[in-house]
C-alpha atoms as a PDB file:
ATOM      1  CA  MET A   1       3.116-107.921  88.024  1.00  0.00           C
ATOM      2  CA  THR A   2       6.437-106.611  89.352  1.00  0.00           C
ATOM      3  CA  LEU A   3       5.174-103.121  90.170  1.00  0.00           C
ATOM      4  CA  ARG A   4       1.602-101.992  90.566  1.00  0.00           C
ATOM      5  CA  ILE A   5       0.777 -98.439  91.624  1.00  0.00           C
ATOM      6  CA  THR A   6      -2.840 -97.639  92.410  1.00  0.00           C
ATOM      7  CA  ASP A   7      -4.313 -94.137  92.889  1.00  0.00           C
ATOM      8  CA  LEU A   8      -1.062 -92.783  94.352  1.00  0.00           C
ATOM      9  CA  SER A   9      -1.045 -89.246  95.780  1.00  0.00           C
ATOM     10  CA  ARG A  10       1.634 -87.315  97.590  1.00  0.00           C
ATOM     11  CA  ASP A  11       1.144 -83.931  99.261  1.00  0.00           C
ATOM     12  CA  PHE A  12       3.786 -81.492 100.301  1.00  0.00           C
ATOM     13  CA  PRO A  13       2.994 -78.207 102.122  1.00  0.00           C
ATOM     14  CA  GLY A  14       1.003 -76.139  99.647  1.00  0.00           C
ATOM     15  CA  VAL A  15       1.299 -78.521  96.698  1.00  0.00           C
ATOM     16  CA  ARG A  16       0.043 -81.927  95.529  1.00  0.00           C
ATOM     17  CA  ALA A  17       3.076 -83.467  93.849  1.00  0.00           C
ATOM     18  CA  LEU A  18       1.234 -86.666  92.848  1.00  0.00           C
ATOM     19  CA  ASP A  19      -2.494 -86.812  92.092  1.00  0.00           C
ATOM     20  CA  GLY A  20      -4.055 -90.217  91.721  1.00  0.00           C
ATOM     21  CA  VAL A  21      -1.394 -91.884  89.642  1.00  0.00           C
ATOM     22  CA  SER A  22      -1.953 -95.526  88.603  1.00  0.00           C
ATOM     23  CA  LEU A  23       0.409 -97.709  86.492  1.00  0.00           C
ATOM     24  CA  SER A  24       1.978-101.107  86.382  1.00  0.00           C
ATOM     25  CA  VAL A  25       5.244-102.620  85.094  1.00  0.00           C
ATOM     26  CA  ALA A  26       5.640-106.336  84.276  1.00  0.00           C
ATOM     27  CA  ALA A  27       8.759-108.460  84.497  1.00  0.00           C
ATOM     28  CA  GLY A  28      10.886-107.907  81.427  1.00  0.00           C
ATOM     29  CA  GLU A  29       9.138-104.569  80.587  1.00  0.00           C
ATOM     30  CA  THR A  30      10.266-100.932  80.633  1.00  0.00           C
ATOM     31  CA  PHE A  31       7.785 -98.234  81.557  1.00  0.00           C
ATOM     32  CA  ALA A  32       9.074 -94.755  80.881  1.00  0.00           C
ATOM     33  CA  LEU A  33       7.884 -91.659  82.698  1.00  0.00           C
ATOM     34  CA  VAL A  34       8.296 -88.412  80.714  1.00  0.00           C
ATOM     35  CA  GLY A  35       7.272 -84.813  81.433  1.00  0.00           C
ATOM     36  CA  GLU A  36       8.712 -81.434  82.311  1.00  0.00           C
ATOM     37  CA  SER A  37      10.685 -80.742  85.490  1.00  0.00           C
ATOM     38  CA  GLY A  38       8.411 -80.620  88.495  1.00  0.00           C
ATOM     39  CA  CYS A  39       5.731 -82.864  86.989  1.00  0.00           C
ATOM     40  CA  GLY A  40       6.082 -85.515  89.750  1.00  0.00           C
ATOM     41  CA  LYS A  41       8.365 -88.113  88.109  1.00  0.00           C
ATOM     42  CA  THR A  42      11.017 -87.975  90.832  1.00  0.00           C
ATOM     43  CA  THR A  43       8.466 -87.864  93.623  1.00  0.00           C
ATOM     44  CA  LEU A  44       6.875 -91.059  92.274  1.00  0.00           C
ATOM     45  CA  ALA A  45      10.322 -92.721  92.030  1.00  0.00           C
ATOM     46  CA  ARG A  46      11.093 -91.796  95.626  1.00  0.00           C
ATOM     47  CA  CYS A  47       7.797 -93.319  96.722  1.00  0.00           C
ATOM     48  CA  VAL A  48       8.567 -96.528  94.875  1.00  0.00           C
ATOM     49  CA  LEU A  49      12.008 -96.685  96.453  1.00  0.00           C
ATOM     50  CA  GLY A  50      10.422 -96.320  99.922  1.00  0.00           C
ATOM     51  CA  LEU A  51      12.254 -93.021 100.540  1.00  0.00           C
ATOM     52  CA  ILE A  52       9.042 -91.082 101.224  1.00  0.00           C
ATOM     53  CA  PRO A  53       5.581 -92.383 102.046  1.00  0.00           C
ATOM     54  CA  PRO A  54       2.559 -91.626  99.807  1.00  0.00           C
ATOM     55  CA  THR A  55      -0.267 -89.541 101.209  1.00  0.00           C
ATOM     56  CA  SER A  56      -2.683 -92.091  99.813  1.00  0.00           C
ATOM     57  CA  GLY A  57      -2.809 -94.957  97.344  1.00  0.00           C
ATOM     58  CA  THR A  58      -0.832 -98.140  97.257  1.00  0.00           C
ATOM     59  CA  ILE A  59       2.473 -99.448  95.857  1.00  0.00           C
ATOM     60  CA  ARG A  60       2.781-103.189  95.424  1.00  0.00           C
ATOM     61  CA  ILE A  61       6.042-104.914  94.523  1.00  0.00           C
ATOM     62  CA  GLN A  62       5.549-108.447  93.353  1.00  0.00           C
ATOM     63  CA  GLY A  63       2.203-108.414  95.127  1.00  0.00           C
ATOM     64  CA  ALA A  64       3.420-107.120  98.503  1.00  0.00           C
ATOM     65  CA  GLU A  65       2.232-103.742  99.638  1.00  0.00           C
ATOM     66  CA  LEU A  66       5.179-101.423 100.472  1.00  0.00           C
ATOM     67  CA  SER A  67       3.457 -99.218 103.048  1.00  0.00           C
ATOM     68  CA  ALA A  68       2.236-102.256 104.999  1.00  0.00           C
ATOM     69  CA  ALA A  69       5.584-103.916 105.301  1.00  0.00           C
ATOM     70  CA  ARG A  70       7.637-103.765 108.537  1.00  0.00           C
ATOM     71  CA  GLY A  71      10.935-105.084 109.764  1.00  0.00           C
ATOM     72  CA  ALA A  72      12.353-108.003 107.799  1.00  0.00           C
ATOM     73  CA  ALA A  73       9.514-107.856 105.296  1.00  0.00           C
ATOM     74  CA  LEU A  74      10.301-104.217 104.540  1.00  0.00           C
ATOM     75  CA  ARG A  75      13.994-104.887 104.135  1.00  0.00           C
ATOM     76  CA  SER A  76      13.227-107.702 101.719  1.00  0.00           C
ATOM     77  CA  LEU A  77      10.943-105.414  99.657  1.00  0.00           C
ATOM     78  CA  ARG A  78      13.580-102.735  99.488  1.00  0.00           C
ATOM     79  CA  ARG A  79      16.102-105.260  98.226  1.00  0.00           C
ATOM     80  CA  ARG A  80      13.814-105.932  95.283  1.00  0.00           C
ATOM     81  CA  VAL A  81      13.939-102.317  94.113  1.00  0.00           C
ATOM     82  CA  GLN A  82      17.276-100.650  93.262  1.00  0.00           C
ATOM     83  CA  ILE A  83      18.194 -97.413  91.473  1.00  0.00           C
ATOM     84  CA  VAL A  84      20.712 -96.336  88.808  1.00  0.00           C
ATOM     85  CA  PHE A  85      21.382 -92.674  89.208  1.00  0.00           C
ATOM     86  CA  GLN A  86      21.978 -89.984  86.572  1.00  0.00           C
ATOM     87  CA  ASN A  87      25.590 -89.147  87.413  1.00  0.00           C
ATOM     88  CA  PRO A  88      27.699 -92.215  88.100  1.00  0.00           C
ATOM     89  CA  TYR A  89      30.636 -90.156  89.515  1.00  0.00           C
ATOM     90  CA  ALA A  90      28.372 -88.587  92.125  1.00  0.00           C
ATOM     91  CA  ALA A  91      26.717 -91.933  92.873  1.00  0.00           C
ATOM     92  CA  LEU A  92      30.000 -93.777  93.602  1.00  0.00           C
ATOM     93  CA  ASN A  93      32.105 -93.217  96.723  1.00  0.00           C
ATOM     94  CA  PRO A  94      35.454 -91.934  95.359  1.00  0.00           C
ATOM     95  CA  ARG A  95      37.326 -93.513  98.281  1.00  0.00           C
ATOM     96  CA  MET A  96      36.108 -97.036  97.489  1.00  0.00           C
ATOM     97  CA  THR A  97      37.601 -99.437  94.952  1.00  0.00           C
ATOM     98  CA  VAL A  98      35.305-101.075  92.421  1.00  0.00           C
ATOM     99  CA  ALA A  99      35.511-104.319  94.476  1.00  0.00           C
ATOM    100  CA  ARG A 100      34.182-102.511  97.560  1.00  0.00           C
ATOM    101  CA  LEU A 101      31.566-100.562  95.691  1.00  0.00           C
ATOM    102  CA  VAL A 102      30.077-103.719  94.105  1.00  0.00           C
ATOM    103  CA  GLY A 103      30.589-105.867  97.176  1.00  0.00           C
ATOM    104  CA  GLU A 104      29.160-103.448  99.761  1.00  0.00           C
ATOM    105  CA  PRO A 105      25.479-104.316  99.123  1.00  0.00           C
ATOM    106  CA  LEU A 106      26.337-107.981  99.493  1.00  0.00           C
ATOM    107  CA  ARG A 107      28.219-107.401 102.748  1.00  0.00           C
ATOM    108  CA  LEU A 108      25.339-105.377 104.145  1.00  0.00           C
ATOM    109  CA  ALA A 109      22.968-108.209 103.206  1.00  0.00           C
ATOM    110  CA  GLY A 110      25.020-110.591 105.339  1.00  0.00           C
ATOM    111  CA  HIS A 111      27.646-112.042 102.999  1.00  0.00           C
ATOM    112  CA  ARG A 112      31.037-112.557 104.668  1.00  0.00           C
ATOM    113  CA  ARG A 113      33.687-110.009 103.686  1.00  0.00           C
ATOM    114  CA  GLY A 114      36.114-112.768 102.566  1.00  0.00           C
ATOM    115  CA  HIS A 115      33.602-114.201 100.142  1.00  0.00           C
ATOM    116  CA  LEU A 116      32.772-111.139  98.071  1.00  0.00           C
ATOM    117  CA  LYS A 117      35.322-111.372  95.296  1.00  0.00           C
ATOM    118  CA  ALA A 118      33.737-114.155  93.268  1.00  0.00           C
ATOM    119  CA  PRO A 119      30.189-112.542  93.179  1.00  0.00           C
ATOM    120  CA  ALA A 120      31.788-109.127  92.476  1.00  0.00           C
ATOM    121  CA  LEU A 121      33.595-110.616  89.436  1.00  0.00           C
ATOM    122  CA  GLU A 122      30.332-112.207  88.224  1.00  0.00           C
ATOM    123  CA  LEU A 123      28.593-108.840  88.458  1.00  0.00           C
ATOM    124  CA  LEU A 124      31.390-107.045  86.631  1.00  0.00           C
ATOM    125  CA  ASP A 125      31.349-109.629  83.892  1.00  0.00           C
ATOM    126  CA  ALA A 126      27.581-109.156  83.524  1.00  0.00           C
ATOM    127  CA  VAL A 127      28.109-105.414  82.754  1.00  0.00           C
ATOM    128  CA  GLY A 128      31.091-105.874  80.444  1.00  0.00           C
ATOM    129  CA  LEU A 129      33.909-105.177  82.879  1.00  0.00           C
ATOM    130  CA  ALA A 130      36.872-107.412  83.875  1.00  0.00           C
ATOM    131  CA  ALA A 131      38.883-108.418  86.894  1.00  0.00           C
ATOM    132  CA  ILE A 132      41.433-105.676  86.143  1.00  0.00           C
ATOM    133  CA  HIS A 133      38.828-103.099  87.199  1.00  0.00           C
ATOM    134  CA  LEU A 134      38.396-104.527  90.716  1.00  0.00           C
ATOM    135  CA  ASN A 135      41.092-102.493  92.378  1.00  0.00           C
ATOM    136  CA  ARG A 136      40.499 -99.257  90.508  1.00  0.00           C
ATOM    137  CA  TYR A 137      38.804 -96.166  91.933  1.00  0.00           C
ATOM    138  CA  PRO A 138      36.039 -94.184  90.217  1.00  0.00           C
ATOM    139  CA  HIS A 139      38.449 -91.436  89.087  1.00  0.00           C
ATOM    140  CA  GLU A 140      40.458 -94.056  87.203  1.00  0.00           C
ATOM    141  CA  LEU A 141      37.454 -95.069  85.094  1.00  0.00           C
ATOM    142  CA  SER A 142      35.602 -93.456  82.190  1.00  0.00           C
ATOM    143  CA  GLY A 143      32.050 -92.210  82.617  1.00  0.00           C
ATOM    144  CA  GLY A 144      30.703 -95.288  80.834  1.00  0.00           C
ATOM    145  CA  GLN A 145      32.763 -97.608  83.002  1.00  0.00           C
ATOM    146  CA  CYS A 146      31.541 -95.847  86.164  1.00  0.00           C
ATOM    147  CA  GLN A 147      27.962 -96.293  85.054  1.00  0.00           C
ATOM    148  CA  ARG A 148      28.588 -99.993  84.444  1.00  0.00           C
ATOM    149  CA  VAL A 149      29.924-100.255  87.998  1.00  0.00           C
ATOM    150  CA  ALA A 150      26.810 -98.488  89.230  1.00  0.00           C
ATOM    151  CA  ILE A 151      24.626-100.931  87.324  1.00  0.00           C
ATOM    152  CA  ALA A 152      26.563-103.874  88.701  1.00  0.00           C
ATOM    153  CA  ARG A 153      26.087-102.572  92.244  1.00  0.00           C
ATOM    154  CA  ALA A 154      22.344-102.132  91.620  1.00  0.00           C
ATOM    155  CA  LEU A 155      22.173-105.788  90.452  1.00  0.00           C
ATOM    156  CA  ALA A 156      24.072-107.150  93.441  1.00  0.00           C
ATOM    157  CA  LEU A 157      20.964-108.032  95.520  1.00  0.00           C
ATOM    158  CA  GLU A 158      19.129-109.505  92.475  1.00  0.00           C
ATOM    159  CA  PRO A 159      16.324-106.928  92.359  1.00  0.00           C
ATOM    160  CA  ALA A 160      13.113-107.393  90.445  1.00  0.00           C
ATOM    161  CA  LEU A 161      12.768-103.674  89.602  1.00  0.00           C
ATOM    162  CA  LEU A 162      15.332-101.029  88.616  1.00  0.00           C
ATOM    163  CA  VAL A 163      14.517 -97.392  88.751  1.00  0.00           C
ATOM    164  CA  LEU A 164      16.585 -95.721  86.012  1.00  0.00           C
ATOM    165  CA  ASP A 165      16.878 -92.017  86.721  1.00  0.00           C
ATOM    166  CA  GLU A 166      18.161 -90.387  83.494  1.00  0.00           C
ATOM    167  CA  PRO A 167      20.776 -93.223  83.261  1.00  0.00           C
ATOM    168  CA  THR A 168      22.666 -91.855  80.242  1.00  0.00           C
ATOM    169  CA  SER A 169      22.261 -88.055  80.421  1.00  0.00           C
ATOM    170  CA  ALA A 170      25.636 -87.465  82.077  1.00  0.00           C
ATOM    171  CA  LEU A 171      27.501 -89.609  79.485  1.00  0.00           C
ATOM    172  CA  ASP A 172      29.097 -88.808  76.137  1.00  0.00           C
ATOM    173  CA  VAL A 173      26.814 -89.396  73.167  1.00  0.00           C
ATOM    174  CA  SER A 174      29.201 -92.079  71.926  1.00  0.00           C
ATOM    175  CA  VAL A 175      28.744 -94.064  75.181  1.00  0.00           C
ATOM    176  CA  GLN A 176      25.022 -93.587  75.661  1.00  0.00           C
ATOM    177  CA  ALA A 177      24.041 -96.247  73.116  1.00  0.00           C
ATOM    178  CA  GLN A 178      26.409 -98.795  74.670  1.00  0.00           C
ATOM    179  CA  ILE A 179      24.807 -98.333  78.081  1.00  0.00           C
ATOM    180  CA  LEU A 180      21.271 -98.461  76.675  1.00  0.00           C
ATOM    181  CA  ASN A 181      22.126-101.704  74.833  1.00  0.00           C
ATOM    182  CA  LEU A 182      23.575-103.133  78.066  1.00  0.00           C
ATOM    183  CA  LEU A 183      20.425-102.215  79.982  1.00  0.00           C
ATOM    184  CA  ALA A 184      18.250-103.812  77.272  1.00  0.00           C
ATOM    185  CA  GLU A 185      20.362-107.037  77.386  1.00  0.00           C
ATOM    186  CA  LEU A 186      20.269-107.262  81.162  1.00  0.00           C
ATOM    187  CA  ARG A 187      16.461-106.764  81.138  1.00  0.00           C
ATOM    188  CA  ARG A 188      16.023-109.689  78.706  1.00  0.00           C
ATOM    189  CA  GLU A 189      18.473-111.958  80.508  1.00  0.00           C
ATOM    190  CA  ARG A 190      17.248-111.323  84.015  1.00  0.00           C
ATOM    191  CA  GLU A 191      13.544-110.556  83.334  1.00  0.00           C
ATOM    192  CA  LEU A 192      13.977-107.231  85.067  1.00  0.00           C
ATOM    193  CA  ALA A 193      11.300-104.562  85.183  1.00  0.00           C
ATOM    194  CA  TYR A 194      12.461-101.020  84.569  1.00  0.00           C
ATOM    195  CA  LEU A 195      10.889 -97.768  85.660  1.00  0.00           C
ATOM    196  CA  LEU A 196      12.710 -95.219  83.389  1.00  0.00           C
ATOM    197  CA  ILE A 197      12.696 -91.524  84.146  1.00  0.00           C
ATOM    198  CA  SER A 198      13.941 -89.450  81.247  1.00  0.00           C
ATOM    199  CA  HIS A 199      13.424 -86.224  79.439  1.00  0.00           C
ATOM    200  CA  ASP A 200      15.261 -87.609  76.377  1.00  0.00           C
ATOM    201  CA  LEU A 201      12.662 -89.062  74.042  1.00  0.00           C
ATOM    202  CA  ALA A 202      15.340 -90.805  71.963  1.00  0.00           C
ATOM    203  CA  VAL A 203      16.427 -92.732  75.067  1.00  0.00           C
ATOM    204  CA  VAL A 204      12.715 -93.461  75.847  1.00  0.00           C
ATOM    205  CA  ARG A 205      12.170 -94.680  72.258  1.00  0.00           C
ATOM    206  CA  HIS A 206      15.221 -96.972  72.506  1.00  0.00           C
ATOM    207  CA  LEU A 207      14.335 -98.645  75.766  1.00  0.00           C
ATOM    208  CA  ALA A 208      10.651 -98.245  76.577  1.00  0.00           C
ATOM    209  CA  ASP A 209       7.795-100.643  75.886  1.00  0.00           C
ATOM    210  CA  ARG A 210       5.207 -98.260  77.344  1.00  0.00           C
ATOM    211  CA  ILE A 211       5.221 -94.537  78.108  1.00  0.00           C
ATOM    212  CA  GLY A 212       3.416 -92.580  80.756  1.00  0.00           C
ATOM    213  CA  VAL A 213       3.268 -88.766  80.291  1.00  0.00           C
ATOM    214  CA  MET A 214       3.120 -86.765  83.511  1.00  0.00           C
ATOM    215  CA  ARG A 215       1.933 -83.220  83.975  1.00  0.00           C
ATOM    216  CA  ALA A 216       1.339 -81.449  87.288  1.00  0.00           C
ATOM    217  CA  GLY A 217       1.382 -84.683  89.206  1.00  0.00           C
ATOM    218  CA  ARG A 218      -1.098 -86.527  86.971  1.00  0.00           C
ATOM    219  CA  LEU A 219      -0.644 -89.219  84.351  1.00  0.00           C
ATOM    220  CA  VAL A 220      -2.252 -87.555  81.381  1.00  0.00           C
ATOM    221  CA  GLU A 221      -1.458 -90.224  78.798  1.00  0.00           C
ATOM    222  CA  GLU A 222      -0.238 -93.809  78.769  1.00  0.00           C
ATOM    223  CA  GLY A 223       0.252 -96.348  75.997  1.00  0.00           C
ATOM    224  CA  ALA A 224       2.636 -98.377  73.874  1.00  0.00           C
ATOM    225  CA  ALA A 225       5.783 -96.382  73.169  1.00  0.00           C
ATOM    226  CA  ALA A 226       5.452 -96.512  69.382  1.00  0.00           C
ATOM    227  CA  ALA A 227       1.838 -95.342  69.489  1.00  0.00           C
ATOM    228  CA  VAL A 228       2.430 -92.492  71.934  1.00  0.00           C
ATOM    229  CA  LEU A 229       5.442 -91.177  70.040  1.00  0.00           C
ATOM    230  CA  ALA A 230       3.818 -91.467  66.600  1.00  0.00           C
ATOM    231  CA  GLU A 231       0.282 -90.364  67.389  1.00  0.00           C
ATOM    232  CA  PRO A 232       0.011 -88.635  70.806  1.00  0.00           C
ATOM    233  CA  ALA A 233      -3.556 -88.472  72.119  1.00  0.00           C
ATOM    234  CA  HIS A 234      -3.045 -85.662  74.643  1.00  0.00           C
ATOM    235  CA  PRO A 235      -2.191 -82.056  73.613  1.00  0.00           C
ATOM    236  CA  TYR A 236       0.595 -81.973  76.238  1.00  0.00           C
ATOM    237  CA  THR A 237       2.250 -85.033  74.758  1.00  0.00           C
ATOM    238  CA  ALA A 238       2.056 -83.374  71.339  1.00  0.00           C
ATOM    239  CA  GLU A 239       3.802 -80.316  72.847  1.00  0.00           C
ATOM    240  CA  LEU A 240       6.598 -82.423  74.228  1.00  0.00           C
ATOM    241  CA  LEU A 241       7.138 -84.040  70.799  1.00  0.00           C
ATOM    242  CA  ALA A 242       7.003 -80.680  69.060  1.00  0.00           C
ATOM    243  CA  SER A 243       9.765 -79.400  71.312  1.00  0.00           C
ATOM    244  CA  VAL A 244      12.207 -81.939  69.867  1.00  0.00           C
ATOM    245  CA  PRO A 245      14.289 -80.181  67.155  1.00  0.00           C
ATOM    246  CA  GLY A 246      13.155 -80.982  63.565  1.00  0.00           C
ATOM    247  CA  ARG A 247      15.831 -83.468  62.581  1.00  0.00           C
ATOM    248  CA  GLY A 248      15.661 -85.121  65.991  1.00  0.00           C
ATOM    249  CA  ARG A 249      11.879 -85.593  65.782  1.00  0.00           C
ATOM    250  CA  ALA A 250      12.111 -86.913  62.229  1.00  0.00           C
ATOM    251  CA  ALA A 251      14.672 -89.503  63.366  1.00  0.00           C
ATOM    252  CA  LEU A 252      12.558 -90.348  66.358  1.00  0.00           C
ATOM    253  CA  LEU A 253       9.478 -90.993  64.282  1.00  0.00           C
ATOM    254  CA  ALA A 254      11.366 -92.816  61.581  1.00  0.00           C
ATOM    255  CA  SER A 255      12.982 -95.186  64.132  1.00  0.00           C
ATOM    256  CA  THR A 256       9.610 -95.724  65.741  1.00  0.00           C
ATOM    257  CA  SER A 257       7.886 -96.563  62.496  1.00  0.00           C
ATOM    258  CA  GLN A 258      10.638 -99.115  61.772  1.00  0.00           C
ATOM    259  CA  GLY A 259       9.998-100.820  65.065  1.00  0.00           C
ATOM    260  CA  ALA A 260      13.505-100.132  66.424  1.00  0.00           C
ATOM    261  CA  PRO A 261      14.164-101.678  69.837  1.00  0.00           C
END
């Protein structure tokens, strides 16, 4: 199992942001977390990334417990988990070329600066970009191209798990499907595990194998994506689905019943 979270809780002054959350994500699988703002999705992602410690519970990445790791072991674990942010323009340093942006994780991991071009080109090729993009800056790229660069950078250290934080919400509708298809292809090719955070149920339907519904720090429902979207078991999940405009929900349910990927 790539990611296993057991009874995870996280307290902040005056509030319990996570309350006994347990879930798992296997290699080649996408687990989507959905729920309203403030439900705990981002807090959980930050715990998985090692940015904040949990108050209690455990996070295991490929069997190794994150909170117990120190030194080189901790650095190794953190390399196995990378994130793709919501806004690619904000996530990329505007003063760096694409070559530097993609090569920087490799350099920090110990690769010699003079030997970064070849792996950078391989990463760009994997996300559908070419050598002509190496010397460009983020402002010279489209939103979709910037997100491809961000994905390439996230893949640089060959992670086992990607945290996808609303990965298409800042993109034009015409580009969203291209990025989702790219993510699905990379997941299949590299046996990646995805922890997807999204409020867009159409994105969730497109990419997720399983869905976890969060409310007030708790996981109130979990199951196969098609089942949760078609026949929600918890009233809160039903409320989320009911909030999707009529045509959007009809399309969502129709695509689910057809077994769309």
